[in-house]
Protein backbone atom coordinates (compact mmCIF):
# COMPACT_ATOMS: atom_id res chain seq x y z
CA MET A 1 0.00 0.00 0.00
CA TYR A 2 1.22 3.44 -0.90
CA LYS A 3 1.07 6.32 1.55
CA PRO A 4 -1.41 9.08 0.67
CA ILE A 5 0.33 12.24 -0.52
CA PRO A 6 -0.39 15.01 2.03
CA GLU A 7 -2.52 17.94 0.89
CA PRO A 8 -3.13 21.29 2.62
CA ASN A 9 -6.24 21.48 4.77
CA PRO A 10 -8.33 24.70 4.90
CA GLN A 11 -6.45 25.99 7.95
CA ALA A 12 -3.06 25.50 6.27
CA GLY A 13 -4.46 27.15 3.17
CA LEU A 14 -5.50 30.19 5.21
CA HIS A 15 -2.06 30.43 6.85
CA ALA A 16 -0.47 30.15 3.40
CA LEU A 17 -2.66 32.91 2.00
CA ARG A 18 -1.74 35.22 4.87
CA ALA A 19 1.95 34.50 4.39
CA MET A 20 1.69 35.15 0.67
CA LEU A 21 -0.05 38.49 1.21
CA ARG A 22 2.46 39.48 3.89
CA GLU A 23 5.58 38.50 1.92
CA LYS A 24 4.12 39.45 -1.48
CA HIS A 25 5.11 36.23 -3.25
CA PRO A 26 3.63 32.71 -3.62
CA LEU A 27 6.78 31.00 -2.34
CA ALA A 28 5.85 32.16 1.14
CA ALA A 29 2.76 29.97 0.84
CA MET A 30 4.94 27.07 -0.26
CA GLN A 31 7.05 27.52 2.86
CA VAL A 32 3.91 27.23 5.01
CA PHE A 33 2.86 24.04 3.21
CA HIS A 34 6.36 22.59 3.56
CA ALA A 35 6.48 23.34 7.29
CA SER A 36 3.11 21.70 7.92
CA LEU A 37 3.13 18.84 5.42
CA GLY A 38 6.77 17.79 5.09
CA ASP A 39 9.02 17.11 2.10
CA VAL A 40 6.28 15.59 -0.08
CA PHE A 41 2.93 17.25 -0.67
CA ARG A 42 0.38 17.98 -3.36
CA ILE A 43 -1.15 21.30 -4.32
CA LYS A 44 -4.66 21.02 -5.73
CA LEU A 45 -5.96 23.84 -7.90
CA PRO A 46 -8.36 23.72 -10.86
CA GLY A 47 -6.51 21.94 -13.66
CA PHE A 48 -3.22 22.03 -11.77
CA ALA A 49 -2.33 19.42 -9.13
CA PRO A 50 1.45 18.96 -9.00
CA VAL A 51 3.30 16.80 -6.52
CA VAL A 52 5.95 18.93 -4.81
CA LEU A 53 9.18 17.30 -3.62
CA VAL A 54 11.70 18.98 -1.32
CA GLY A 55 15.19 18.11 -0.11
CA PRO A 56 18.34 16.46 -1.44
CA GLN A 57 16.82 12.98 -1.67
CA ALA A 58 14.03 14.38 -3.84
CA ALA A 59 16.46 16.28 -6.06
CA HIS A 60 18.58 13.17 -6.59
CA PHE A 61 15.44 11.17 -7.36
CA VAL A 62 14.36 13.60 -10.09
CA LEU A 63 17.75 14.60 -11.49
CA VAL A 64 19.57 11.26 -11.36
CA GLU A 65 17.66 8.15 -10.29
CA GLU A 66 14.54 8.59 -12.41
CA ARG A 67 15.66 11.20 -14.89
CA GLY A 68 14.92 8.79 -17.74
CA SER A 69 11.32 8.56 -16.53
CA MET A 70 10.86 12.31 -16.21
CA ARG A 71 10.10 14.54 -19.18
CA TRP A 72 11.19 18.17 -19.43
CA ARG A 73 9.04 18.83 -22.45
CA ASN A 74 5.44 19.76 -21.78
CA GLU A 75 3.48 20.85 -24.85
CA GLN A 76 1.08 22.78 -22.62
CA ASP A 77 3.72 25.18 -21.29
CA PRO A 78 4.48 28.51 -22.98
CA VAL A 79 8.21 27.87 -22.56
CA THR A 80 7.87 25.01 -25.05
CA ASP A 81 5.82 27.21 -27.35
CA LEU A 82 8.51 29.90 -27.22
CA LEU A 83 11.67 27.79 -27.39
CA ARG A 84 10.16 25.13 -29.69
CA HIS A 85 13.06 22.66 -29.91
CA GLY A 86 15.62 24.49 -27.82
CA VAL A 87 17.99 22.34 -25.79
CA LEU A 88 16.23 23.31 -22.56
CA VAL A 89 12.91 21.71 -23.55
CA GLU A 90 14.17 18.62 -25.38
CA ASP A 91 14.50 15.11 -23.97
CA GLY A 92 16.52 12.02 -24.76
CA ASP A 93 18.82 11.83 -27.77
CA GLU A 94 17.61 15.15 -29.17
CA HIS A 95 18.72 16.96 -26.02
CA ASP A 96 22.02 15.08 -25.78
CA GLN A 97 22.97 15.83 -29.40
CA LEU A 98 22.20 19.53 -29.05
CA ARG A 99 24.09 19.76 -25.78
CA ARG A 100 27.16 18.13 -27.33
CA LEU A 101 27.11 20.76 -30.07
CA MET A 102 26.78 23.63 -27.62
CA ASN A 103 29.16 22.47 -24.89
CA PRO A 104 32.41 23.67 -26.53
CA SER A 105 31.24 27.29 -26.55
CA MET A 106 30.44 27.12 -22.82
CA HIS A 107 33.57 25.23 -21.75
CA ARG A 108 35.86 26.71 -19.13
CA ARG A 109 38.69 26.81 -21.66
CA ARG A 110 36.72 29.35 -23.71
CA LEU A 111 35.93 31.65 -20.81
CA LEU A 112 39.27 33.47 -20.81
CA GLY A 113 38.52 34.57 -24.34
CA TYR A 114 35.19 36.00 -23.22
CA GLU A 115 36.42 38.08 -20.28
CA GLU A 116 37.52 41.13 -22.30
CA SER A 117 34.07 41.29 -23.93
CA MET A 118 32.45 41.02 -20.52
CA LEU A 119 34.56 43.88 -19.20
CA GLN A 120 33.77 46.03 -22.23
CA ALA A 121 30.05 45.51 -21.70
CA VAL A 122 30.26 46.63 -18.06
CA ASP A 123 32.22 49.73 -19.01
CA GLN A 124 29.90 50.48 -21.94
CA VAL A 125 26.78 50.52 -19.76
CA THR A 126 28.32 52.24 -16.75
CA ALA A 127 29.82 54.96 -18.97
CA GLU A 128 26.26 56.34 -19.09
CA TRP A 129 26.01 56.54 -15.30
CA ARG A 130 26.31 59.91 -13.61
CA SER A 131 27.79 60.23 -10.15
CA ALA A 132 25.31 60.75 -7.30
CA GLN A 133 22.43 59.56 -9.50
CA THR A 134 20.18 56.58 -8.74
CA TYR A 135 19.80 53.61 -11.07
CA ASP A 136 17.77 50.41 -10.95
CA MET A 137 20.34 47.63 -10.98
CA LEU A 138 17.76 45.14 -12.24
CA VAL A 139 17.57 47.19 -15.44
CA GLU A 140 21.27 48.00 -15.64
CA MET A 141 22.40 44.41 -15.09
CA ARG A 142 20.00 43.25 -17.82
CA LYS A 143 21.64 45.65 -20.24
CA ILE A 144 25.10 44.33 -19.35
CA THR A 145 24.18 40.64 -19.55
CA LEU A 146 22.41 41.07 -22.90
CA LEU A 147 25.47 42.77 -24.39
CA ILE A 148 27.75 40.05 -22.98
CA LEU A 149 25.69 37.12 -24.19
CA MET A 150 25.26 38.49 -27.69
CA ARG A 151 28.94 39.38 -28.07
CA THR A 152 30.46 36.22 -26.63
CA LEU A 153 28.13 33.50 -27.91
CA PHE A 154 26.64 35.05 -31.05
CA GLY A 155 29.49 37.34 -32.11
CA GLU A 156 27.06 40.26 -32.38
CA ASP A 157 27.16 43.82 -31.10
CA PHE A 158 23.74 44.16 -29.52
CA GLY A 159 24.28 47.78 -28.52
CA PRO A 160 22.58 49.30 -31.59
CA HIS A 161 19.58 47.00 -31.07
CA LEU A 162 19.25 47.25 -27.30
CA GLN A 163 16.64 50.00 -27.20
CA ARG A 164 14.70 48.71 -30.22
CA LEU A 165 14.39 45.14 -28.92
CA TRP A 166 14.21 45.88 -25.18
CA ALA A 167 10.41 45.58 -24.97
CA ALA A 168 10.46 42.44 -27.13
CA VAL A 169 12.97 40.74 -24.83
CA LEU A 170 10.91 41.63 -21.75
CA GLY A 171 7.72 40.51 -23.48
CA SER A 172 9.21 37.12 -24.29
CA ILE A 173 10.27 36.70 -20.67
CA GLN A 174 6.83 37.69 -19.39
CA TYR A 175 5.22 35.18 -21.73
CA ILE A 176 6.98 32.27 -20.03
CA SER A 177 6.56 33.61 -16.49
CA PRO A 178 4.13 31.81 -14.14
CA GLY A 179 0.54 32.73 -14.83
CA ILE A 180 -2.70 31.44 -16.17
CA TRP A 181 -0.92 28.77 -18.25
CA MET A 182 -0.53 26.82 -15.02
CA PHE A 183 -4.25 26.14 -15.08
CA TRP A 184 -5.16 25.85 -18.76
CA ARG A 185 -3.60 26.52 -22.12
CA THR A 186 -4.25 29.95 -23.59
CA ALA A 187 -3.14 31.59 -26.80
CA PRO A 188 -0.46 34.27 -26.47
CA ARG A 189 -1.89 37.74 -26.06
CA PRO A 190 -1.16 40.16 -28.93
CA GLN A 191 1.70 41.95 -27.16
CA TYR A 192 3.47 38.61 -26.64
CA ARG A 193 2.97 37.59 -30.25
CA ARG A 194 4.46 40.90 -31.38
CA ALA A 195 7.44 40.43 -29.09
CA ILE A 196 8.12 36.93 -30.38
CA VAL A 197 7.82 38.05 -34.01
CA GLN A 198 10.34 40.84 -33.37
CA ILE A 199 12.84 38.54 -31.70
CA ASN A 200 12.43 35.90 -34.40
CA SER A 201 13.03 38.46 -37.13
CA TYR A 202 16.27 39.61 -35.51
CA LEU A 203 17.56 36.08 -34.93
CA TYR A 204 16.81 34.84 -38.44
CA GLU A 205 18.51 37.95 -39.81
CA ILE A 206 21.78 37.30 -37.96
CA ILE A 207 21.67 33.58 -38.89
CA GLN A 208 21.37 34.41 -42.59
CA SER A 209 24.08 37.06 -42.37
CA ARG A 210 26.45 34.65 -40.64
CA ARG A 211 25.82 31.91 -43.20
CA GLN A 212 27.02 34.30 -45.87
CA GLU A 213 30.15 35.13 -43.88
CA LEU A 214 30.97 31.46 -43.27
CA GLU A 215 30.83 30.67 -46.97
CA LYS A 216 34.36 32.10 -47.04
CA GLY A 217 35.45 29.15 -44.90
CA ARG A 218 36.78 30.84 -41.77
CA PRO A 219 37.01 28.75 -38.55
CA ALA A 220 34.17 28.74 -36.04
CA GLN A 221 34.55 31.54 -33.50
CA ASP A 222 31.37 31.32 -31.43
CA LEU A 223 28.25 29.29 -30.73
CA LEU A 224 26.39 30.57 -33.78
CA ASP A 225 29.25 29.54 -36.08
CA GLU A 226 29.39 26.07 -34.57
CA LEU A 227 25.65 25.48 -34.97
CA ILE A 228 25.83 26.51 -38.62
CA TYR A 229 28.87 24.33 -39.32
CA ALA A 230 27.08 21.41 -37.63
CA GLY A 231 24.49 21.55 -40.41
CA LEU A 232 21.47 22.64 -38.37
CA LYS A 233 18.59 24.27 -40.22
CA ASP A 234 17.73 27.89 -39.53
CA ASP A 235 14.67 27.02 -37.41
CA LEU A 236 16.64 24.75 -35.09
CA ILE A 237 19.46 27.28 -34.80
CA ARG A 238 16.91 29.96 -33.92
CA ASP A 239 15.58 27.71 -31.15
CA GLN A 240 19.04 27.35 -29.57
CA LEU A 241 19.85 31.04 -29.89
CA LEU A 242 16.58 32.07 -28.30
CA THR A 243 17.09 29.53 -25.53
CA MET A 244 20.48 31.03 -24.71
CA LEU A 245 19.23 34.59 -25.16
CA ILE A 246 16.32 34.21 -22.74
CA ALA A 247 17.61 31.63 -20.26
CA GLY A 248 21.22 32.80 -20.34
CA HIS A 249 20.84 36.51 -19.73
CA ASP A 250 17.76 36.43 -17.47
CA THR A 251 19.33 34.12 -14.89
CA SER A 252 22.51 36.22 -14.76
CA THR A 253 20.43 39.39 -14.45
CA ALA A 254 18.59 37.98 -11.44
CA LEU A 255 21.77 36.72 -9.76
CA LEU A 256 23.59 40.03 -10.18
CA SER A 257 20.58 42.02 -8.99
CA TRP A 258 20.15 39.91 -5.85
CA SER A 259 23.89 40.00 -5.11
CA LEU A 260 23.88 43.79 -5.28
CA ALA A 261 20.68 43.95 -3.22
CA MET A 262 22.20 41.73 -0.52
CA MET A 263 25.36 43.81 -0.34
CA GLY A 264 23.22 46.94 -0.25
CA LEU A 265 21.20 45.54 2.66
CA HIS A 266 24.44 44.55 4.43
CA PRO A 267 26.78 47.56 4.00
CA GLU A 268 29.55 45.89 5.99
CA ILE A 269 29.66 43.08 3.43
CA MET A 270 29.74 45.71 0.68
CA ARG A 271 32.72 47.44 2.34
CA GLN A 272 34.59 44.19 2.88
CA SER A 273 33.98 43.16 -0.72
CA GLN A 274 35.23 46.50 -2.01
CA THR A 275 38.35 46.24 0.15
CA GLU A 276 39.00 42.75 -1.20
CA VAL A 277 38.66 44.02 -4.76
CA ASP A 278 41.03 46.94 -4.14
CA GLN A 279 43.67 44.81 -2.42
CA THR A 280 43.49 41.97 -4.94
CA LEU A 281 43.34 43.94 -8.16
CA GLY A 282 45.37 47.00 -7.24
CA GLY A 283 43.73 48.99 -10.02
CA LEU A 284 44.13 46.28 -12.66
CA PRO A 285 41.03 44.99 -14.51
CA PRO A 286 39.36 41.92 -12.95
CA LEU A 287 40.56 39.30 -15.42
CA GLY A 288 42.08 35.82 -15.40
CA GLU A 289 43.48 34.32 -12.24
CA MET A 290 42.71 37.41 -10.17
CA LEU A 291 39.00 36.62 -10.37
CA SER A 292 39.50 33.34 -8.52
CA GLN A 293 41.22 35.26 -5.69
CA LEU A 294 38.07 37.27 -4.92
CA VAL A 295 36.90 34.91 -2.20
CA LEU A 296 34.27 37.12 -0.56
CA ILE A 297 32.76 38.02 -3.94
CA GLN A 298 32.42 34.29 -4.62
CA GLN A 299 30.79 33.74 -1.21
CA VAL A 300 28.33 36.60 -1.76
CA MET A 301 27.39 35.06 -5.10
CA GLN A 302 26.91 31.58 -3.64
CA GLU A 303 24.84 32.83 -0.72
CA SER A 304 22.69 34.99 -3.01
CA LEU A 305 22.13 31.94 -5.19
CA ARG A 306 21.16 29.91 -2.14
CA LEU A 307 18.55 32.38 -0.90
CA TYR A 308 17.32 33.54 -4.30
CA PRO A 309 18.02 30.89 -6.94
CA PRO A 310 17.05 32.42 -10.30
CA ILE A 311 15.47 29.09 -11.32
CA HIS A 312 13.61 28.27 -8.13
CA LEU A 313 11.99 24.98 -9.19
CA GLY A 314 12.33 22.13 -11.62
CA SER A 315 9.20 20.97 -13.39
CA ARG A 316 8.85 17.53 -14.96
CA LEU A 317 6.15 15.20 -16.24
CA ALA A 318 6.21 11.63 -14.97
CA ALA A 319 6.50 9.43 -18.06
CA ALA A 320 5.66 6.29 -16.04
CA ASP A 321 4.21 5.34 -12.67
CA LEU A 322 6.91 6.16 -10.11
CA GLU A 323 7.42 5.34 -6.46
CA TYR A 324 9.13 7.81 -4.17
CA ASP A 325 9.57 7.29 -0.44
CA GLY A 326 6.47 5.12 -0.25
CA TYR A 327 4.30 7.44 -2.36
CA LEU A 328 2.88 6.63 -5.79
CA ILE A 329 3.37 9.29 -8.46
CA PRO A 330 1.11 8.24 -11.36
CA LYS A 331 2.17 8.61 -14.98
CA GLY A 332 1.29 12.04 -16.36
CA THR A 333 1.65 13.83 -13.01
CA ARG A 334 3.47 17.14 -12.98
CA VAL A 335 6.36 16.76 -10.53
CA ILE A 336 7.95 19.87 -9.05
CA TYR A 337 11.14 19.69 -7.04
CA SER A 338 11.60 22.90 -5.14
CA ILE A 339 15.08 24.36 -5.31
CA TYR A 340 13.96 27.34 -3.23
CA LEU A 341 12.64 25.22 -0.36
CA THR A 342 15.56 22.79 -0.49
CA GLN A 343 18.08 25.62 -0.22
CA ARG A 344 16.22 27.00 2.81
CA HIS A 345 15.54 23.61 4.40
CA PRO A 346 16.07 23.89 8.18
CA GLY A 347 17.19 20.27 8.26
CA TYR A 348 20.26 21.08 6.18
CA TRP A 349 20.95 24.79 6.71
CA THR A 350 21.52 26.65 9.98
CA ASP A 351 19.37 29.79 10.27
CA PRO A 352 18.34 29.15 6.65
CA ASP A 353 16.62 32.49 5.90
CA ARG A 354 19.61 34.59 6.99
CA PHE A 355 22.06 36.03 4.46
CA ASP A 356 25.44 34.76 5.66
CA PRO A 357 28.30 34.57 3.14
CA GLN A 358 30.54 33.19 5.89
CA ARG A 359 28.71 29.86 5.75
CA TRP A 360 30.80 29.28 2.59
CA THR A 361 34.13 29.91 4.32
CA GLY A 362 37.03 27.52 3.96
CA ALA A 363 36.44 23.87 3.23
CA ALA A 364 32.80 23.96 4.36
CA LYS A 365 30.60 22.59 1.60
CA PRO A 366 26.88 21.91 1.56
CA ALA A 367 25.70 18.32 1.57
CA PRO A 368 25.16 16.94 -1.95
CA TYR A 369 21.95 18.13 -3.64
CA THR A 370 21.15 20.68 -0.93
CA TRP A 371 22.48 23.53 -3.12
CA LEU A 372 20.91 23.30 -6.56
CA ALA A 373 21.40 26.74 -8.05
CA PHE A 374 22.76 25.17 -11.25
CA GLY A 375 20.73 21.99 -11.05
CA GLY A 376 22.48 18.66 -10.77
CA GLY A 377 23.10 15.37 -12.49
CA PRO A 378 23.78 14.96 -16.22
CA ARG A 379 21.52 17.89 -17.16
CA ASN A 380 23.01 20.49 -14.87
CA CYS A 381 23.10 24.05 -16.17
CA ILE A 382 25.13 24.22 -19.38
CA GLY A 383 26.14 27.80 -18.60
CA SER A 384 27.13 27.41 -14.94
CA ALA A 385 30.84 28.15 -15.41
CA PHE A 386 30.06 31.03 -17.78
CA GLY A 387 27.58 32.57 -15.36
CA GLN A 388 29.89 32.38 -12.35
CA VAL A 389 32.82 34.00 -14.14
CA GLU A 390 30.50 36.65 -15.56
CA THR A 391 29.03 37.46 -12.14
CA ARG A 392 32.37 37.71 -10.34
CA LEU A 393 33.80 39.92 -13.08
CA ILE A 394 30.84 42.30 -13.19
CA LEU A 395 30.59 42.66 -9.40
CA ALA A 396 34.33 43.23 -9.11
CA ARG A 397 34.33 45.88 -11.82
CA LEU A 398 31.38 47.71 -10.28
CA LEU A 399 32.95 47.74 -6.82
CA GLN A 400 36.27 48.81 -8.28
CA ARG A 401 34.81 51.85 -10.01
CA PHE A 402 31.81 52.87 -7.90
CA ASP A 403 30.49 53.27 -4.40
CA LEU A 404 26.96 51.84 -4.32
CA GLU A 405 24.25 52.69 -1.80
CA LEU A 406 20.87 50.98 -1.70
CA VAL A 407 18.18 53.65 -1.72
CA GLU A 408 15.00 51.59 -1.27
CA LYS A 409 15.41 48.74 1.19
CA GLU A 410 11.93 47.20 0.93
CA ILE A 411 12.55 44.44 -1.63
CA HIS A 412 10.45 41.35 -2.18
CA LEU A 413 10.48 38.34 -4.46
CA HIS A 414 8.73 38.30 -7.79
CA MET A 415 8.16 35.02 -9.60
CA GLY A 416 8.87 35.83 -13.21
CA ALA A 417 10.74 33.52 -15.54
CA THR A 418 13.36 33.84 -12.79
CA LEU A 419 13.16 35.08 -9.20
CA GLU A 420 13.52 38.84 -9.44
CA PRO A 421 13.83 41.52 -6.76
CA ARG A 422 10.90 43.91 -6.85
CA PRO A 423 10.24 46.78 -7.16
CA GLY A 424 13.87 46.72 -8.27
CA VAL A 425 17.31 47.40 -6.81
CA ARG A 426 17.61 51.17 -6.76
CA MET A 427 21.15 52.23 -5.89
CA ARG A 428 22.86 55.60 -5.74
CA VAL A 429 26.17 55.36 -7.58
CA SER A 430 29.20 57.55 -6.88
CA THR A 431 32.31 57.38 -9.01
CA ARG A 432 35.35 56.43 -6.96
């Protein structure tokens, strides 16, 4: 006999609603359910009844043990509609073949060649800043990460297109953010369709232009070149480019914004980080081996990722009847493993809701599958190394050149395509 999967009772539902209204985000409700129901529970809403799994055992079950029986692709989700056959929403051999093609461009060996472009993007955006003025770092970091991604992986200068395509990029992200699609399938609203058409037009244009350049036979220099040389059709290349464009820059934007918000809320950490940057770099640009010496910057990044993982859950469809910890998960069930709850699990983290970069000091490491900011198992984040180098470099450059003061300290979670700080991260910048 299987154990019945716990479900919230009306009292728990009321507590969850109060928490959600107080904290201004649905994950507060999930924390209430987790505290009262344990590491396995079911949420029942009209047309949406996922089984939620929490903790390292659950993550290993989904990501490793039964990954062959879990499907990423769900034809009912807008992310599949948007990315079509992008590597993120493919399963089996199709995913593995695409990942093999894309891995070389994301390999650690290639990152040194990207650092100068990353630095140029930071300096390009911050050159527009005026001392003693206030800027929303959520917006500014998005500008930087878009420029970086387009330059390093696509070989394109996105600067001339940034303003023209800004709304289209945001519209595409909003289309795949949690919403009514969780309950039933709806057609994209007109503003989303326009955004997708705009993005598609731009991507197909650069694919065609690059094909013409590569007819001259030059070696592959970036991800776009490698996909073309691999013989992929334009539609499939578009799907990979859009996957990297949306997933790649949006996660980095969220991580950078939360890291700056956390330092802003903890000025002593900001001062210590700035001192570390000054002493380590001595005025030199944050490149190469010096980046790995910025220990506190790394700890701030890891702790920000723990508290505010940009991808806060993994969603799968059970492709067969599965058994987990005495519970039956029937075929066709949506299975959600909660990264957010696992990384704040009181059974594995001391004072789990507190921002404490020192918990990453020295040889201390979290237990396996308790820190899932880049996923785990064979399908861990393809851009994890890229994103970590990018984040350390950008934070170091900002601290090297500016004093940053958080102006509005009331910040709450927003569940978009990633976890974002809202209403933003407004900081007063002063040139050093």
